[in-house]
Each structure stands twice: as C-alpha cells, then as structure tokens.
C-alpha cells in the first residue's frame, strides 16, 4: 500500500462537528435490540465537517413510547411519513436517505469523551420556514393591516 503522509495534515485527533444544522446521509442502518430489550434501528449518519471531510454520527431509533417522537421526526424528514403512519420501519427504508438534522455536542460520561448526537431531524418544511414572528401581520383582530404606516403617539405605547 502506498499513500501520501502529508494527506494526514493536522487532523491527527478526532474532531467533533460544531453544533448546527447539517445535510446528512444515512450510510448504515442495522436492526438491534437495546440494552433494555426494545427493538431499535441503529443509524450511522454521515455529515460534512466545515473543514471539508466526512464525519460520522451514531443515532438510535428506539421503539418505546417515550422515543416514538424521534422516529416520527426521522420519518417526516426522510419522506417516510407513510411508513411511520403504518407503524413499521425497516433498515432498508432508512439506508441511503438524505435529510437534515440538528447536530449537538453531548457531554462525555462514564469515562468517555464528548460526542456528537442528533438533537432533531428536520423536514424540508421546517427548514424553509422563516424564523421569528411576523412584523407586519396580515390582519389584526380580524381587520386588514393598513397599507400605510400609522402614527402612534407616545401615550399609546405600553412601555
């Protein structure tokens, strides 16, 4: 085997993805049983680090009432809503899916280092929705918003 040792650069140590929104791909999906005996799908997700190289994150879709919300998020974001509604998801359904996820840094515990984790899977609708509140609402108390700015006296300002 031959290689260029300079390709290693200064990436000698593992670096986490910074927290944020990423385009991701499910590169592996495997059926497993959780430590508590529940059905789950273990996902290996790949995202592009801001420095340009691929980075992997591991996540688990666990079939418990407390974790079904994450299965729904994943299905909605991956275009698998009908699978969620049917109550059945397979590893084949998950593999090679492209979607968006908010990645966070989870503090290490039990002697392990910090790691990346999926905070939330996002559908295209959620990502494209504008953040914040409307500054010029269409209607106020059922009446159309004025076309021209309205003068307000200082006595009418509540603060």
Protein backbone atom coordinates (compact mmCIF):
# COMPACT_ATOMS: atom_id res chain seq x y z
CA UNK A 1 0.00 0.00 0.00
CA UNK A 2 1.21 3.47 -0.85
CA UNK A 3 -0.09 6.79 0.47
CA UNK A 4 0.90 10.41 0.88
CA UNK A 5 1.74 11.05 4.57
CA UNK A 6 1.05 14.76 4.09
CA UNK A 7 -2.63 13.95 3.46
CA UNK A 8 -2.96 13.43 7.22
CA UNK A 9 -2.46 17.17 7.72
CA UNK A 10 -3.12 18.36 11.25
CA UNK A 11 -6.17 16.12 11.69
CA UNK A 12 -4.30 13.71 13.89
CA UNK A 13 -7.06 13.73 16.50
CA UNK A 14 -10.77 13.15 16.15
CA UNK A 15 -12.70 16.42 15.97
CA UNK A 16 -16.38 16.84 16.62
CA UNK A 17 -18.80 18.56 14.30
CA UNK A 18 -19.67 22.03 15.60
CA UNK A 19 -23.29 22.26 16.75
CA UNK A 20 -25.61 23.25 13.92
CA UNK A 21 -27.82 22.19 11.03
CA UNK A 22 -26.33 19.66 8.61
CA UNK A 23 -27.26 17.84 5.43
CA UNK A 24 -26.83 14.20 6.37
CA UNK A 25 -26.95 10.78 4.76
CA UNK A 26 -27.75 7.50 6.48
CA UNK A 27 -24.80 5.35 5.40
CA UNK A 28 -25.65 2.33 7.58
CA UNK A 29 -28.78 1.08 9.31
CA UNK A 30 -28.92 -2.03 11.44
CA UNK A 31 -31.70 -3.72 13.43
CA UNK A 32 -30.67 -4.26 17.04
CA UNK A 33 -32.10 -4.81 20.49
CA UNK A 34 -31.49 -2.08 23.06
CA UNK A 35 -29.92 -2.82 26.44
CA UNK A 36 -33.44 -2.81 27.90
CA UNK A 37 -34.72 -5.29 25.32
CA UNK A 38 -36.52 -2.88 22.96
CA UNK A 39 -36.46 -3.05 19.16
CA UNK A 40 -34.34 -0.34 17.57
CA UNK A 41 -32.62 0.71 14.39
CA UNK A 42 -29.02 1.86 14.85
CA UNK A 43 -28.16 4.56 12.31
CA UNK A 44 -24.72 5.60 11.13
CA UNK A 45 -25.05 9.09 9.74
CA UNK A 46 -22.51 11.00 7.70
CA UNK A 47 -22.24 14.78 7.59
CA UNK A 48 -19.62 17.05 6.09
CA UNK A 49 -17.39 18.78 8.67
CA UNK A 50 -16.92 22.52 7.96
CA UNK A 51 -13.25 21.71 7.22
CA UNK A 52 -14.45 19.57 4.30
CA UNK A 53 -14.04 15.98 5.43
CA UNK A 54 -16.83 13.48 6.19
CA UNK A 55 -17.74 12.96 9.83
CA UNK A 56 -19.90 10.22 11.31
CA UNK A 57 -22.57 10.42 13.99
CA UNK A 58 -24.47 7.49 15.50
CA UNK A 59 -28.14 7.63 16.43
CA UNK A 60 -30.76 5.14 17.54
CA UNK A 61 -34.46 4.94 16.69
CA UNK A 62 -35.90 3.02 19.63
CA UNK A 63 -39.39 1.52 19.68
CA UNK A 64 -40.61 2.79 23.07
CA UNK A 65 -43.49 5.18 23.79
CA UNK A 66 -41.04 7.78 25.12
CA UNK A 67 -38.91 7.69 21.94
CA UNK A 68 -41.52 7.42 19.17
CA UNK A 69 -41.32 11.21 18.67
CA UNK A 70 -37.80 10.76 17.26
CA UNK A 71 -38.95 8.03 14.88
CA UNK A 72 -41.65 10.45 13.67
CA UNK A 73 -39.09 13.25 13.20
CA UNK A 74 -36.85 10.93 11.21
CA UNK A 75 -39.68 9.60 9.05
CA UNK A 76 -41.08 13.08 8.32
CA UNK A 77 -37.62 14.43 7.44
CA UNK A 78 -36.75 11.42 5.27
CA UNK A 79 -40.03 11.37 3.34
CA UNK A 80 -41.20 8.23 5.15
CA UNK A 81 -44.35 9.60 6.77
CA UNK A 82 -46.48 6.78 5.39
CA UNK A 83 -44.08 4.26 6.98
CA UNK A 84 -44.47 6.00 10.33
CA UNK A 85 -48.25 6.02 10.00
CA UNK A 86 -48.20 2.29 9.22
CA UNK A 87 -46.23 1.63 12.41
CA UNK A 88 -43.43 -0.20 10.60
CA UNK A 89 -39.94 0.95 9.62
CA UNK A 90 -37.14 -1.25 8.26
CA UNK A 91 -33.41 -0.75 7.82
CA UNK A 92 -33.93 -0.80 4.06
CA UNK A 93 -36.30 2.17 4.43
CA UNK A 94 -33.62 4.13 6.31
CA UNK A 95 -30.46 3.29 4.37
CA UNK A 96 -29.12 5.93 1.92
CA UNK A 97 -31.68 8.54 3.00
CA UNK A 98 -30.66 12.19 2.64
CA UNK A 99 -32.16 14.64 5.13
CA UNK A 100 -31.33 17.44 7.54
CA UNK A 101 -30.51 17.20 11.23
CA UNK A 102 -29.54 19.49 14.07
CA UNK A 103 -26.33 18.09 15.49
CA UNK A 104 -25.31 18.83 19.08
CA UNK A 105 -22.34 18.03 21.27
CA UNK A 106 -23.25 15.72 24.13
CA UNK A 107 -21.03 15.81 27.22
CA UNK A 108 -18.98 12.69 27.80
CA UNK A 109 -19.79 10.42 30.73
CA UNK A 110 -18.57 7.21 32.34
CA UNK A 111 -15.02 7.89 31.14
CA UNK A 112 -16.00 8.53 27.52
CA UNK A 113 -15.22 11.74 25.62
CA UNK A 114 -17.77 14.24 24.34
CA UNK A 115 -19.60 13.06 21.23
CA UNK A 116 -21.91 14.35 18.55
CA UNK A 117 -25.58 13.42 18.75
CA UNK A 118 -28.71 14.19 16.76
CA UNK A 119 -30.80 16.77 18.60
CA UNK A 120 -33.56 16.76 15.99
CA UNK A 121 -34.36 15.61 12.47
CA UNK A 122 -35.93 18.35 10.36
CA UNK A 123 -38.29 18.15 7.43
CA UNK A 124 -37.72 20.41 4.44
CA UNK A 125 -40.79 22.42 5.50
CA UNK A 126 -39.33 23.10 8.95
CA UNK A 127 -36.00 24.18 7.49
CA UNK A 128 -37.52 26.55 4.94
CA UNK A 129 -39.96 28.14 7.39
CA UNK A 130 -38.87 31.63 8.37
CA UNK A 131 -37.73 32.11 11.92
CA UNK A 132 -39.20 34.73 14.24
CA UNK A 133 -42.55 36.46 14.20
CA UNK A 134 -44.35 38.44 11.54
CA UNK A 135 -43.59 42.13 11.86
CA UNK A 136 -46.40 43.14 9.52
CA UNK A 137 -49.29 40.77 10.24
CA UNK A 138 -51.91 40.34 7.55
CA UNK A 139 -54.69 41.09 9.96
CA UNK A 140 -55.02 42.40 13.47
CA UNK A 141 -58.18 41.50 15.39
CA UNK A 142 -59.81 40.37 12.17
CA UNK A 143 -59.18 43.65 10.28
CA UNK A 144 -56.83 44.09 7.37
CA UNK A 145 -53.45 45.61 8.14
CA UNK A 146 -53.17 49.24 6.99
CA UNK A 147 -51.39 49.84 3.69
CA UNK A 148 -49.66 52.96 5.03
CA UNK A 149 -47.78 53.29 8.33
CA UNK A 150 -49.94 54.58 11.15
CA UNK A 151 -48.69 57.29 13.50
CA UNK A 152 -48.74 56.26 17.17
CA UNK A 153 -48.48 58.76 20.00
CA UNK A 154 -46.20 58.10 22.99
CA UNK A 155 -49.34 57.75 25.17
CA UNK A 156 -50.33 54.63 23.20
CA UNK A 157 -47.02 52.78 23.76
CA UNK A 158 -47.44 50.41 26.72
CA UNK A 159 -43.84 50.67 28.00
